[in-house]
PDB file of N, CA and C in Angstrom:
ATOM      1  N   MET A   1    -201.564  24.970 -90.813  1.00  0.00           N
ATOM      2  CA  MET A   1    -200.769  25.206 -89.615  1.00  0.00           C
ATOM      3  C   MET A   1    -199.955  26.485 -89.818  1.00  0.00           C
ATOM      4  N   THR A   2    -199.946  27.337 -88.832  1.00  0.00           N
ATOM      5  CA  THR A   2    -199.171  28.571 -88.935  1.00  0.00           C
ATOM      6  C   THR A   2    -197.688  28.259 -88.780  1.00  0.00           C
ATOM      7  N   MET A   3    -196.847  29.171 -89.245  1.00  0.00           N
ATOM      8  CA  MET A   3    -195.394  28.999 -89.120  1.00  0.00           C
ATOM      9  C   MET A   3    -194.999  28.915 -87.652  1.00  0.00           C
ATOM     10  N   ASN A   4    -195.646  29.701 -86.820  1.00  0.00           N
ATOM     11  CA  ASN A   4    -195.330  29.690 -85.393  1.00  0.00           C
ATOM     12  C   ASN A   4    -195.637  28.318 -84.778  1.00  0.00           C
ATOM     13  N   ASN A   5    -196.791  27.742 -85.142  1.00  0.00           N
ATOM     14  CA  ASN A   5    -197.148  26.410 -84.639  1.00  0.00           C
ATOM     15  C   ASN A   5    -196.185  25.343 -85.169  1.00  0.00           C
ATOM     16  N   LEU A   6    -195.796  25.460 -86.431  1.00  0.00           N
ATOM     17  CA  LEU A   6    -194.855  24.517 -87.011  1.00  0.00           C
ATOM     18  C   LEU A   6    -193.512  24.612 -86.299  1.00  0.00           C
ATOM     19  N   PHE A   7    -193.059  25.831 -86.029  1.00  0.00           N
ATOM     20  CA  PHE A   7    -191.785  26.025 -85.331  1.00  0.00           C
ATOM     21  C   PHE A   7    -191.841  25.390 -83.938  1.00  0.00           C
ATOM     22  N   LYS A   8    -192.967  25.534 -83.258  1.00  0.00           N
ATOM     23  CA  LYS A   8    -193.122  24.917 -81.928  1.00  0.00           C
ATOM     24  C   LYS A   8    -193.077  23.392 -82.030  1.00  0.00           C
ATOM     25  N   LYS A   9    -193.730  22.831 -83.047  1.00  0.00           N
ATOM     26  CA  LYS A   9    -193.706  21.380 -83.246  1.00  0.00           C
ATOM     27  C   LYS A   9    -192.278  20.894 -83.507  1.00  0.00           C
ATOM     28  N   ILE A  10    -191.528  21.657 -84.283  1.00  0.00           N
ATOM     29  CA  ILE A  10    -190.134  21.305 -84.585  1.00  0.00           C
ATOM     30  C   ILE A  10    -189.307  21.295 -83.306  1.00  0.00           C
ATOM     31  N   LYS A  11    -189.433  22.339 -82.509  1.00  0.00           N
ATOM     32  CA  LYS A  11    -188.658  22.416 -81.265  1.00  0.00           C
ATOM     33  C   LYS A  11    -189.049  21.299 -80.297  1.00  0.00           C
ATOM     34  N   THR A  12    -190.341  21.020 -80.173  1.00  0.00           N
ATOM     35  CA  THR A  12    -190.808  19.957 -79.268  1.00  0.00           C
ATOM     36  C   THR A  12    -190.269  18.603 -79.721  1.00  0.00           C
ATOM     37  N   ALA A  13    -190.393  18.312 -81.005  1.00  0.00           N
ATOM     38  CA  ALA A  13    -189.904  17.035 -81.541  1.00  0.00           C
ATOM     39  C   ALA A  13    -188.379  16.937 -81.393  1.00  0.00           C
ATOM     40  N   GLY A  14    -187.677  18.030 -81.673  1.00  0.00           N
ATOM     41  CA  GLY A  14    -186.216  18.045 -81.564  1.00  0.00           C
ATOM     42  C   GLY A  14    -185.722  17.860 -80.147  1.00  0.00           C
ATOM     43  N   ASN A  15    -186.511  18.311 -79.183  1.00  0.00           N
ATOM     44  CA  ASN A  15    -186.134  18.124 -77.780  1.00  0.00           C
ATOM     45  C   ASN A  15    -186.298  16.673 -77.338  1.00  0.00           C
ATOM     46  N   LYS A  16    -187.145  15.914 -78.034  1.00  0.00           N
ATOM     47  CA  LYS A  16    -187.329  14.488 -77.711  1.00  0.00           C
ATOM     48  C   LYS A  16    -186.176  13.669 -78.293  1.00  0.00           C
ATOM     49  N   LYS A  17    -185.985  13.804 -79.613  1.00  0.00           N
ATOM     50  CA  LYS A  17    -184.945  13.033 -80.292  1.00  0.00           C
ATOM     51  C   LYS A  17    -184.765  13.607 -81.691  1.00  0.00           C
ATOM     52  N   ILE A  18    -183.539  13.595 -82.188  1.00  0.00           N
ATOM     53  CA  ILE A  18    -183.260  14.007 -83.564  1.00  0.00           C
ATOM     54  C   ILE A  18    -182.779  12.780 -84.317  1.00  0.00           C
ATOM     55  N   LEU A  19    -183.448  12.470 -85.426  1.00  0.00           N
ATOM     56  CA  LEU A  19    -183.093  11.326 -86.253  1.00  0.00           C
ATOM     57  C   LEU A  19    -182.585  11.852 -87.599  1.00  0.00           C
ATOM     58  N   TYR A  20    -181.332  11.536 -87.903  1.00  0.00           N
ATOM     59  CA  TYR A  20    -180.734  11.950 -89.173  1.00  0.00           C
ATOM     60  C   TYR A  20    -180.974  10.856 -90.202  1.00  0.00           C
ATOM     61  N   LEU A  21    -181.731  11.166 -91.245  1.00  0.00           N
ATOM     62  CA  LEU A  21    -181.979  10.200 -92.307  1.00  0.00           C
ATOM     63  C   LEU A  21    -180.697  10.011 -93.127  1.00  0.00           C
ATOM     64  N   PRO A  22    -180.556   8.864 -93.805  1.00  0.00           N
ATOM     65  CA  PRO A  22    -179.311   8.586 -94.540  1.00  0.00           C
ATOM     66  C   PRO A  22    -178.891   9.696 -95.501  1.00  0.00           C
ATOM     67  N   HIS A  23    -179.848  10.290 -96.203  1.00  0.00           N
ATOM     68  CA  HIS A  23    -179.506  11.387 -97.133  1.00  0.00           C
ATOM     69  C   HIS A  23    -178.870  12.551 -96.382  1.00  0.00           C
ATOM     70  N   ALA A  24    -179.402  12.887 -95.217  1.00  0.00           N
ATOM     71  CA  ALA A  24    -178.848  13.992 -94.426  1.00  0.00           C
ATOM     72  C   ALA A  24    -177.415  13.677 -94.004  1.00  0.00           C
ATOM     73  N   ILE A  25    -177.173  12.459 -93.567  1.00  0.00           N
ATOM     74  CA  ILE A  25    -175.820  12.080 -93.142  1.00  0.00           C
ATOM     75  C   ILE A  25    -174.845  12.185 -94.308  1.00  0.00           C
ATOM     76  N   ARG A  26    -175.255  11.706 -95.485  1.00  0.00           N
ATOM     77  CA  ARG A  26    -174.380  11.809 -96.670  1.00  0.00           C
ATOM     78  C   ARG A  26    -174.083  13.262 -97.010  1.00  0.00           C
ATOM     79  N   GLN A  27    -175.117  14.109 -97.001  1.00  0.00           N
ATOM     80  CA  GLN A  27    -174.918  15.517 -97.358  1.00  0.00           C
ATOM     81  C   GLN A  27    -174.061  16.255 -96.323  1.00  0.00           C
ATOM     82  N   MET A  28    -174.305  15.979 -95.054  1.00  0.00           N
ATOM     83  CA  MET A  28    -173.552  16.653 -93.985  1.00  0.00           C
ATOM     84  C   MET A  28    -172.089  16.232 -93.976  1.00  0.00           C
ATOM     85  N   SER A  29    -171.807  15.016 -94.451  1.00  0.00           N
ATOM     86  CA  SER A  29    -170.452  14.466 -94.404  1.00  0.00           C
ATOM     87  C   SER A  29    -169.610  14.776 -95.633  1.00  0.00           C
ATOM     88  N   ARG A  30    -170.180  15.431 -96.609  1.00  0.00           N
ATOM     89  CA  ARG A  30    -169.405  15.765 -97.801  1.00  0.00           C
ATOM     90  C   ARG A  30    -168.236  16.660 -97.415  1.00  0.00           C
ATOM     91  N   PRO A  31    -167.039  16.383 -97.955  1.00  0.00           N
ATOM     92  CA  PRO A  31    -165.847  17.159 -97.570  1.00  0.00           C
ATOM     93  C   PRO A  31    -165.989  18.669 -97.771  1.00  0.00           C
ATOM     94  N   ASP A  32    -166.774  19.080 -98.765  1.00  0.00           N
ATOM     95  CA  ASP A  32    -166.938  20.517 -99.018  1.00  0.00           C
ATOM     96  C   ASP A  32    -167.980  21.147 -98.097  1.00  0.00           C
ATOM     97  N   ARG A  33    -168.615  20.347 -97.235  1.00  0.00           N
ATOM     98  CA  ARG A  33    -169.637  20.868 -96.328  1.00  0.00           C
ATOM     99  C   ARG A  33    -169.275  20.639 -94.869  1.00  0.00           C
ATOM    100  N   MET A  34    -169.149  19.369 -94.481  1.00  0.00           N
ATOM    101  CA  MET A  34    -168.830  19.000 -93.100  1.00  0.00           C
ATOM    102  C   MET A  34    -169.689  19.773 -92.104  1.00  0.00           C
ATOM    103  N   ILE A  35    -170.990  19.546 -92.172  1.00  0.00           N
ATOM    104  CA  ILE A  35    -171.942  20.207 -91.282  1.00  0.00           C
ATOM    105  C   ILE A  35    -172.083  19.367 -90.016  1.00  0.00           C
ATOM    106  N   SER A  36    -171.875  19.978 -88.884  1.00  0.00           N
ATOM    107  CA  SER A  36    -171.916  19.249 -87.613  1.00  0.00           C
ATOM    108  C   SER A  36    -173.348  19.150 -87.075  1.00  0.00           C
ATOM    109  N   PRO A  37    -173.591  18.151 -86.224  1.00  0.00           N
ATOM    110  CA  PRO A  37    -174.903  18.069 -85.566  1.00  0.00           C
ATOM    111  C   PRO A  37    -175.205  19.328 -84.747  1.00  0.00           C
ATOM    112  N   GLU A  38    -174.177  19.975 -84.209  1.00  0.00           N
ATOM    113  CA  GLU A  38    -174.378  21.217 -83.453  1.00  0.00           C
ATOM    114  C   GLU A  38    -174.900  22.322 -84.360  1.00  0.00           C
ATOM    115  N   GLU A  39    -174.389  22.381 -85.591  1.00  0.00           N
ATOM    116  CA  GLU A  39    -174.881  23.386 -86.539  1.00  0.00           C
ATOM    117  C   GLU A  39    -176.337  23.117 -86.884  1.00  0.00           C
ATOM    118  N   VAL A  40    -176.694  21.853 -87.078  1.00  0.00           N
ATOM    119  CA  VAL A  40    -178.082  21.502 -87.372  1.00  0.00           C
ATOM    120  C   VAL A  40    -178.974  21.890 -86.193  1.00  0.00           C
ATOM    121  N   ARG A  41    -178.549  21.558 -84.980  1.00  0.00           N
ATOM    122  CA  ARG A  41    -179.340  21.900 -83.788  1.00  0.00           C
ATOM    123  C   ARG A  41    -179.519  23.421 -83.692  1.00  0.00           C
ATOM    124  N   ASN A  42    -178.490  24.182 -83.996  1.00  0.00           N
ATOM    125  CA  ASN A  42    -178.564  25.640 -83.974  1.00  0.00           C
ATOM    126  C   ASN A  42    -179.636  26.136 -84.950  1.00  0.00           C
ATOM    127  N   VAL A  43    -179.694  25.539 -86.131  1.00  0.00           N
ATOM    128  CA  VAL A  43    -180.701  25.935 -87.125  1.00  0.00           C
ATOM    129  C   VAL A  43    -182.100  25.609 -86.620  1.00  0.00           C
ATOM    130  N   ILE A  44    -182.305  24.398 -86.094  1.00  0.00           N
ATOM    131  CA  ILE A  44    -183.662  24.015 -85.694  1.00  0.00           C
ATOM    132  C   ILE A  44    -184.118  24.711 -84.419  1.00  0.00           C
ATOM    133  N   GLU A  45    -183.185  25.142 -83.585  1.00  0.00           N
ATOM    134  CA  GLU A  45    -183.578  25.836 -82.351  1.00  0.00           C
ATOM    135  C   GLU A  45    -183.744  27.340 -82.543  1.00  0.00           C
ATOM    136  N   GLN A  46    -182.940  27.937 -83.427  1.00  0.00           N
ATOM    137  CA  GLN A  46    -182.952  29.396 -83.536  1.00  0.00           C
ATOM    138  C   GLN A  46    -183.147  29.912 -84.951  1.00  0.00           C
ATOM    139  N   GLY A  47    -183.302  28.984 -85.897  1.00  0.00           N
ATOM    140  CA  GLY A  47    -183.417  29.392 -87.293  1.00  0.00           C
ATOM    141  C   GLY A  47    -184.793  29.909 -87.666  1.00  0.00           C
ATOM    142  N   LYS A  48    -184.936  30.125 -88.941  1.00  0.00           N
ATOM    143  CA  LYS A  48    -186.168  30.682 -89.500  1.00  0.00           C
ATOM    144  C   LYS A  48    -186.703  29.702 -90.546  1.00  0.00           C
ATOM    145  N   ILE A  49    -188.006  29.467 -90.524  1.00  0.00           N
ATOM    146  CA  ILE A  49    -188.636  28.640 -91.555  1.00  0.00           C
ATOM    147  C   ILE A  49    -188.771  29.502 -92.801  1.00  0.00           C
ATOM    148  N   ILE A  50    -188.165  29.038 -93.914  1.00  0.00           N
ATOM    149  CA  ILE A  50    -188.217  29.845 -95.136  1.00  0.00           C
ATOM    150  C   ILE A  50    -189.080  29.206 -96.219  1.00  0.00           C
ATOM    151  N   GLU A  51    -189.343  27.899 -96.128  1.00  0.00           N
ATOM    152  CA  GLU A  51    -190.266  27.237 -97.042  1.00  0.00           C
ATOM    153  C   GLU A  51    -191.024  26.168 -96.265  1.00  0.00           C
ATOM    154  N   ASP A  52    -192.295  26.034 -96.576  1.00  0.00           N
ATOM    155  CA  ASP A  52    -193.163  25.081 -95.890  1.00  0.00           C
ATOM    156  C   ASP A  52    -193.624  24.050 -96.910  1.00  0.00           C
ATOM    157  N   TYR A  53    -193.544  22.768 -96.554  1.00  0.00           N
ATOM    158  CA  TYR A  53    -193.949  21.691 -97.449  1.00  0.00           C
ATOM    159  C   TYR A  53    -195.029  20.838 -96.761  1.00  0.00           C
ATOM    160  N   PRO A  54    -196.257  21.345 -96.650  1.00  0.00           N
ATOM    161  CA  PRO A  54    -197.309  20.616 -95.931  1.00  0.00           C
ATOM    162  C   PRO A  54    -197.710  19.301 -96.592  1.00  0.00           C
ATOM    163  N   ASP A  55    -197.481  19.159 -97.896  1.00  0.00           N
ATOM    164  CA  ASP A  55    -197.907  17.965 -98.619  1.00  0.00           C
ATOM    165  C   ASP A  55    -196.753  17.031 -98.976  1.00  0.00           C
ATOM    166  N   ASP A  56    -195.627  17.166 -98.298  1.00  0.00           N
ATOM    167  CA  ASP A  56    -194.456  16.326 -98.566  1.00  0.00           C
ATOM    168  C   ASP A  56    -194.813  14.858 -98.332  1.00  0.00           C
ATOM    169  N   GLN A  57    -194.326  13.981 -99.202  1.00  0.00           N
ATOM    170  CA  GLN A  57    -194.616  12.545 -99.086  1.00  0.00           C
ATOM    171  C   GLN A  57    -194.089  11.950 -97.781  1.00  0.00           C
ATOM    172  N   ARG A  58    -193.094  12.572 -97.162  1.00  0.00           N
ATOM    173  CA  ARG A  58    -192.547  12.087 -95.890  1.00  0.00           C
ATOM    174  C   ARG A  58    -193.301  12.660 -94.699  1.00  0.00           C
ATOM    175  N   GLY A  59    -194.324  13.417 -94.959  1.00  0.00           N
ATOM    176  CA  GLY A  59    -195.067  14.111 -93.910  1.00  0.00           C
ATOM    177  C   GLY A  59    -194.714  15.587 -93.937  1.00  0.00           C
ATOM    178  N   HIS A  60    -195.488  16.388 -93.252  1.00  0.00           N
ATOM    179  CA  HIS A  60    -195.277  17.838 -93.217  1.00  0.00           C
ATOM    180  C   HIS A  60    -193.824  18.136 -92.867  1.00  0.00           C
ATOM    181  N   SER A  61    -193.162  18.878 -93.731  1.00  0.00           N
ATOM    182  CA  SER A  61    -191.765  19.244 -93.497  1.00  0.00           C
ATOM    183  C   SER A  61    -191.560  20.695 -93.888  1.00  0.00           C
ATOM    184  N   CYS A  62    -190.365  21.181 -93.623  1.00  0.00           N
ATOM    185  CA  CYS A  62    -190.058  22.565 -93.975  1.00  0.00           C
ATOM    186  C   CYS A  62    -188.553  22.740 -94.151  1.00  0.00           C
ATOM    187  N   LEU A  63    -188.200  23.848 -94.786  1.00  0.00           N
ATOM    188  CA  LEU A  63    -186.811  24.245 -94.963  1.00  0.00           C
ATOM    189  C   LEU A  63    -186.527  25.379 -93.988  1.00  0.00           C
ATOM    190  N   MET A  64    -185.459  25.201 -93.201  1.00  0.00           N
ATOM    191  CA  MET A  64    -185.074  26.221 -92.219  1.00  0.00           C
ATOM    192  C   MET A  64    -183.699  26.780 -92.573  1.00  0.00           C
ATOM    193  N   PHE A  65    -183.452  28.007 -92.136  1.00  0.00           N
ATOM    194  CA  PHE A  65    -182.183  28.683 -92.416  1.00  0.00           C
ATOM    195  C   PHE A  65    -181.671  29.399 -91.181  1.00  0.00           C
ATOM    196  N   ARG A  66    -180.358  29.392 -91.050  1.00  0.00           N
ATOM    197  CA  ARG A  66    -179.674  30.205 -90.044  1.00  0.00           C
ATOM    198  C   ARG A  66    -178.196  30.217 -90.397  1.00  0.00           C
ATOM    199  N   TYR A  67    -177.546  31.323 -90.048  1.00  0.00           N
ATOM    200  CA  TYR A  67    -176.088  31.358 -90.161  1.00  0.00           C
ATOM    201  C   TYR A  67    -175.511  30.592 -88.982  1.00  0.00           C
ATOM    202  N   SER A  68    -174.482  29.792 -89.242  1.00  0.00           N
ATOM    203  CA  SER A  68    -173.835  29.033 -88.170  1.00  0.00           C
ATOM    204  C   SER A  68    -173.012  29.977 -87.306  1.00  0.00           C
ATOM    205  N   ILE A  69    -172.527  29.462 -86.197  1.00  0.00           N
ATOM    206  CA  ILE A  69    -171.675  30.256 -85.313  1.00  0.00           C
ATOM    207  C   ILE A  69    -170.438  30.729 -86.063  1.00  0.00           C
ATOM    208  N   ALA A  70    -169.967  29.900 -87.022  1.00  0.00           N
ATOM    209  CA  ALA A  70    -168.803  30.260 -87.835  1.00  0.00           C
ATOM    210  C   ALA A  70    -169.150  31.288 -88.915  1.00  0.00           C
ATOM    211  N   GLY A  71    -170.452  31.604 -89.067  1.00  0.00           N
ATOM    212  CA  GLY A  71    -170.864  32.625 -90.020  1.00  0.00           C
ATOM    213  C   GLY A  71    -171.251  32.115 -91.387  1.00  0.00           C
ATOM    214  N   ARG A  72    -171.313  30.813 -91.578  1.00  0.00           N
ATOM    215  CA  ARG A  72    -171.715  30.308 -92.892  1.00  0.00           C
ATOM    216  C   ARG A  72    -173.207  29.975 -92.890  1.00  0.00           C
ATOM    217  N   PRO A  73    -173.868  30.138 -94.041  1.00  0.00           N
ATOM    218  CA  PRO A  73    -175.306  29.844 -94.113  1.00  0.00           C
ATOM    219  C   PRO A  73    -175.534  28.336 -94.099  1.00  0.00           C
ATOM    220  N   VAL A  74    -176.572  27.890 -93.393  1.00  0.00           N
ATOM    221  CA  VAL A  74    -176.917  26.476 -93.349  1.00  0.00           C
ATOM    222  C   VAL A  74    -178.422  26.334 -93.563  1.00  0.00           C
ATOM    223  N   HIS A  75    -178.796  25.428 -94.460  1.00  0.00           N
ATOM    224  CA  HIS A  75    -180.194  25.066 -94.693  1.00  0.00           C
ATOM    225  C   HIS A  75    -180.420  23.667 -94.136  1.00  0.00           C
ATOM    226  N   VAL A  76    -181.555  23.470 -93.468  1.00  0.00           N
ATOM    227  CA  VAL A  76    -181.944  22.159 -92.938  1.00  0.00           C
ATOM    228  C   VAL A  76    -183.395  21.900 -93.339  1.00  0.00           C
ATOM    229  N   VAL A  77    -183.635  20.730 -93.937  1.00  0.00           N
ATOM    230  CA  VAL A  77    -185.001  20.293 -94.213  1.00  0.00           C
ATOM    231  C   VAL A  77    -185.342  19.268 -93.140  1.00  0.00           C
ATOM    232  N   CYS A  78    -186.427  19.522 -92.410  1.00  0.00           N
ATOM    233  CA  CYS A  78    -186.799  18.643 -91.309  1.00  0.00           C
ATOM    234  C   CYS A  78    -188.299  18.408 -91.293  1.00  0.00           C
ATOM    235  N   ALA A  79    -188.678  17.319 -90.617  1.00  0.00           N
ATOM    236  CA  ALA A  79    -190.092  16.940 -90.501  1.00  0.00           C
ATOM    237  C   ALA A  79    -190.366  16.524 -89.066  1.00  0.00           C
ATOM    238  N   PRO A  80    -191.192  17.284 -88.342  1.00  0.00           N
ATOM    239  CA  PRO A  80    -191.508  16.892 -86.970  1.00  0.00           C
ATOM    240  C   PRO A  80    -192.461  15.698 -86.942  1.00  0.00           C
ATOM    241  N   LYS A  81    -192.114  14.718 -86.132  1.00  0.00           N
ATOM    242  CA  LYS A  81    -192.945  13.541 -85.914  1.00  0.00           C
ATOM    243  C   LYS A  81    -193.366  13.539 -84.451  1.00  0.00           C
ATOM    244  N   GLU A  82    -194.190  12.582 -84.070  1.00  0.00           N
ATOM    245  CA  GLU A  82    -194.682  12.515 -82.696  1.00  0.00           C
ATOM    246  C   GLU A  82    -193.554  12.335 -81.682  1.00  0.00           C
ATOM    247  N   ASP A  83    -192.598  11.454 -82.000  1.00  0.00           N
ATOM    248  CA  ASP A  83    -191.557  11.104 -81.031  1.00  0.00           C
ATOM    249  C   ASP A  83    -190.158  11.584 -81.388  1.00  0.00           C
ATOM    250  N   TYR A  84    -190.004  12.236 -82.533  1.00  0.00           N
ATOM    251  CA  TYR A  84    -188.675  12.679 -82.952  1.00  0.00           C
ATOM    252  C   TYR A  84    -188.785  13.729 -84.053  1.00  0.00           C
ATOM    253  N   LEU A  85    -187.641  14.360 -84.344  1.00  0.00           N
ATOM    254  CA  LEU A  85    -187.544  15.287 -85.466  1.00  0.00           C
ATOM    255  C   LEU A  85    -186.674  14.628 -86.519  1.00  0.00           C
ATOM    256  N   ALA A  86    -187.228  14.402 -87.708  1.00  0.00           N
ATOM    257  CA  ALA A  86    -186.473  13.797 -88.805  1.00  0.00           C
ATOM    258  C   ALA A  86    -185.718  14.892 -89.548  1.00  0.00           C
ATOM    259  N   ILE A  87    -184.405  14.723 -89.651  1.00  0.00           N
ATOM    260  CA  ILE A  87    -183.582  15.624 -90.455  1.00  0.00           C
ATOM    261  C   ILE A  87    -183.451  14.965 -91.822  1.00  0.00           C
ATOM    262  N   ILE A  88    -184.102  15.545 -92.806  1.00  0.00           N
ATOM    263  CA  ILE A  88    -184.147  14.984 -94.156  1.00  0.00           C
ATOM    264  C   ILE A  88    -182.860  15.303 -94.900  1.00  0.00           C
ATOM    265  N   THR A  89    -182.404  16.539 -94.795  1.00  0.00           N
ATOM    266  CA  THR A  89    -181.125  16.925 -95.386  1.00  0.00           C
ATOM    267  C   THR A  89    -180.634  18.209 -94.731  1.00  0.00           C
ATOM    268  N   ALA A  90    -179.356  18.473 -94.923  1.00  0.00           N
ATOM    269  CA  ALA A  90    -178.733  19.720 -94.463  1.00  0.00           C
ATOM    270  C   ALA A  90    -177.642  20.057 -95.472  1.00  0.00           C
ATOM    271  N   TYR A  91    -177.552  21.317 -95.832  1.00  0.00           N
ATOM    272  CA  TYR A  91    -176.561  21.705 -96.839  1.00  0.00           C
ATOM    273  C   TYR A  91    -176.215  23.185 -96.717  1.00  0.00           C
ATOM    274  N   ILE A  92    -175.137  23.552 -97.399  1.00  0.00           N
ATOM    275  CA  ILE A  92    -174.727  24.954 -97.490  1.00  0.00           C
ATOM    276  C   ILE A  92    -175.337  25.476 -98.791  1.00  0.00           C
ATOM    277  N   PRO A  93    -176.236  26.455 -98.713  1.00  0.00           N
ATOM    278  CA  PRO A  93    -176.890  26.944 -99.940  1.00  0.00           C
ATOM    279  C   PRO A  93    -175.915  27.647-100.872  1.00  0.00           C
ATOM    280  N   SER A  94    -176.206  27.527-102.146  1.00  0.00           N
ATOM    281  CA  SER A  94    -175.370  28.112-103.192  1.00  0.00           C
ATOM    282  C   SER A  94    -175.910  29.475-103.619  1.00  0.00           C
ATOM    283  N   MET A  95    -175.001  30.398-103.871  1.00  0.00           N
ATOM    284  CA  MET A  95    -175.401  31.733-104.365  1.00  0.00           C
ATOM    285  C   MET A  95    -176.035  31.641-105.758  1.00  0.00           C
ATOM    286  N   GLU A  96    -175.752  30.558-106.496  1.00  0.00           N
ATOM    287  CA  GLU A  96    -176.358  30.396-107.815  1.00  0.00           C
ATOM    288  C   GLU A  96    -177.851  30.107-107.719  1.00  0.00           C
ATOM    289  N   GLU A  97    -178.279  29.499-106.611  1.00  0.00           N
ATOM    290  CA  GLU A  97    -179.679  29.119-106.454  1.00  0.00           C
ATOM    291  C   GLU A  97    -180.472  30.033-105.533  1.00  0.00           C
ATOM    292  N   TRP A  98    -179.790  30.791-104.685  1.00  0.00           N
ATOM    293  CA  TRP A  98    -180.456  31.575-103.651  1.00  0.00           C
ATOM    294  C   TRP A  98    -180.084  33.042-103.743  1.00  0.00           C
ATOM    295  N   GLU A  99    -181.024  33.895-103.355  1.00  0.00           N
ATOM    296  CA  GLU A  99    -180.757  35.331-103.261  1.00  0.00           C
ATOM    297  C   GLU A  99    -179.701  35.563-102.183  1.00  0.00           C
ATOM    298  N   GLU A 100    -179.196  36.772-102.095  1.00  0.00           N
ATOM    299  CA  GLU A 100    -178.102  37.101-101.179  1.00  0.00           C
ATOM    300  C   GLU A 100    -178.343  36.696 -99.733  1.00  0.00           C
ATOM    301  N   ASN A 101    -179.561  36.773 -99.271  1.00  0.00           N
ATOM    302  CA  ASN A 101    -179.828  36.448 -97.869  1.00  0.00           C
ATOM    303  C   ASN A 101    -180.148  34.964 -97.657  1.00  0.00           C
ATOM    304  N   TYR A 102    -180.051  34.143 -98.711  1.00  0.00           N
ATOM    305  CA  TYR A 102    -180.257  32.691 -98.665  1.00  0.00           C
ATOM    306  C   TYR A 102    -181.655  32.269 -98.218  1.00  0.00           C
ATOM    307  N   THR A 103    -182.622  33.170 -98.283  1.00  0.00           N
ATOM    308  CA  THR A 103    -183.969  32.827 -97.855  1.00  0.00           C
ATOM    309  C   THR A 103    -184.979  32.793 -99.002  1.00  0.00           C
ATOM    310  N   LYS A 104    -184.573  33.166-100.210  1.00  0.00           N
ATOM    311  CA  LYS A 104    -185.461  33.131-101.365  1.00  0.00           C
ATOM    312  C   LYS A 104    -184.727  32.521-102.547  1.00  0.00           C
ATOM    313  N   ARG A 105    -185.404  31.578-103.183  1.00  0.00           N
ATOM    314  CA  ARG A 105    -184.815  30.961-104.374  1.00  0.00           C
ATOM    315  C   ARG A 105    -184.772  31.978-105.516  1.00  0.00           C
ATOM    316  N   LYS A 106    -183.715  31.913-106.304  1.00  0.00           N
ATOM    317  CA  LYS A 106    -183.649  32.753-107.496  1.00  0.00           C
ATOM    318  C   LYS A 106    -184.618  32.190-108.520  1.00  0.00           C
ATOM    319  N   ARG A 107    -185.225  33.061-109.267  1.00  0.00           N
ATOM    320  CA  ARG A 107    -186.145  32.623-110.322  1.00  0.00           C
ATOM    321  C   ARG A 107    -185.325  32.200-111.529  1.00  0.00           C
ATOM    322  N   THR A 108    -185.769  31.122-112.144  1.00  0.00           N
ATOM    323  CA  THR A 108    -185.030  30.623-113.311  1.00  0.00           C
ATOM    324  C   THR A 108    -185.705  30.987-114.597  1.00  0.00           C
TER     325      THR A 108
END
């Protein structure tokens, strides 16, 4: 599947329903993050797919990135399903793990 087709599937699924998995809720609710559902929606509607996981055990998923309206970087891992978009996790990427633009992992 091309990135463009995957992005369309994400938007279509997200327009039907967004389901936040328990891990995503825990990560979004951490006091040092406090990521809002609006920030997640902003990433899935206008963000960029930076990693593709076609063989994920939860089904085809991907990592998306976008700066929030407040200017902070946000990563969202999501998986489009037939009737909804599963939000697997959402977090603020660390400079220790990511290059300056938060779209490439640093090599270890």
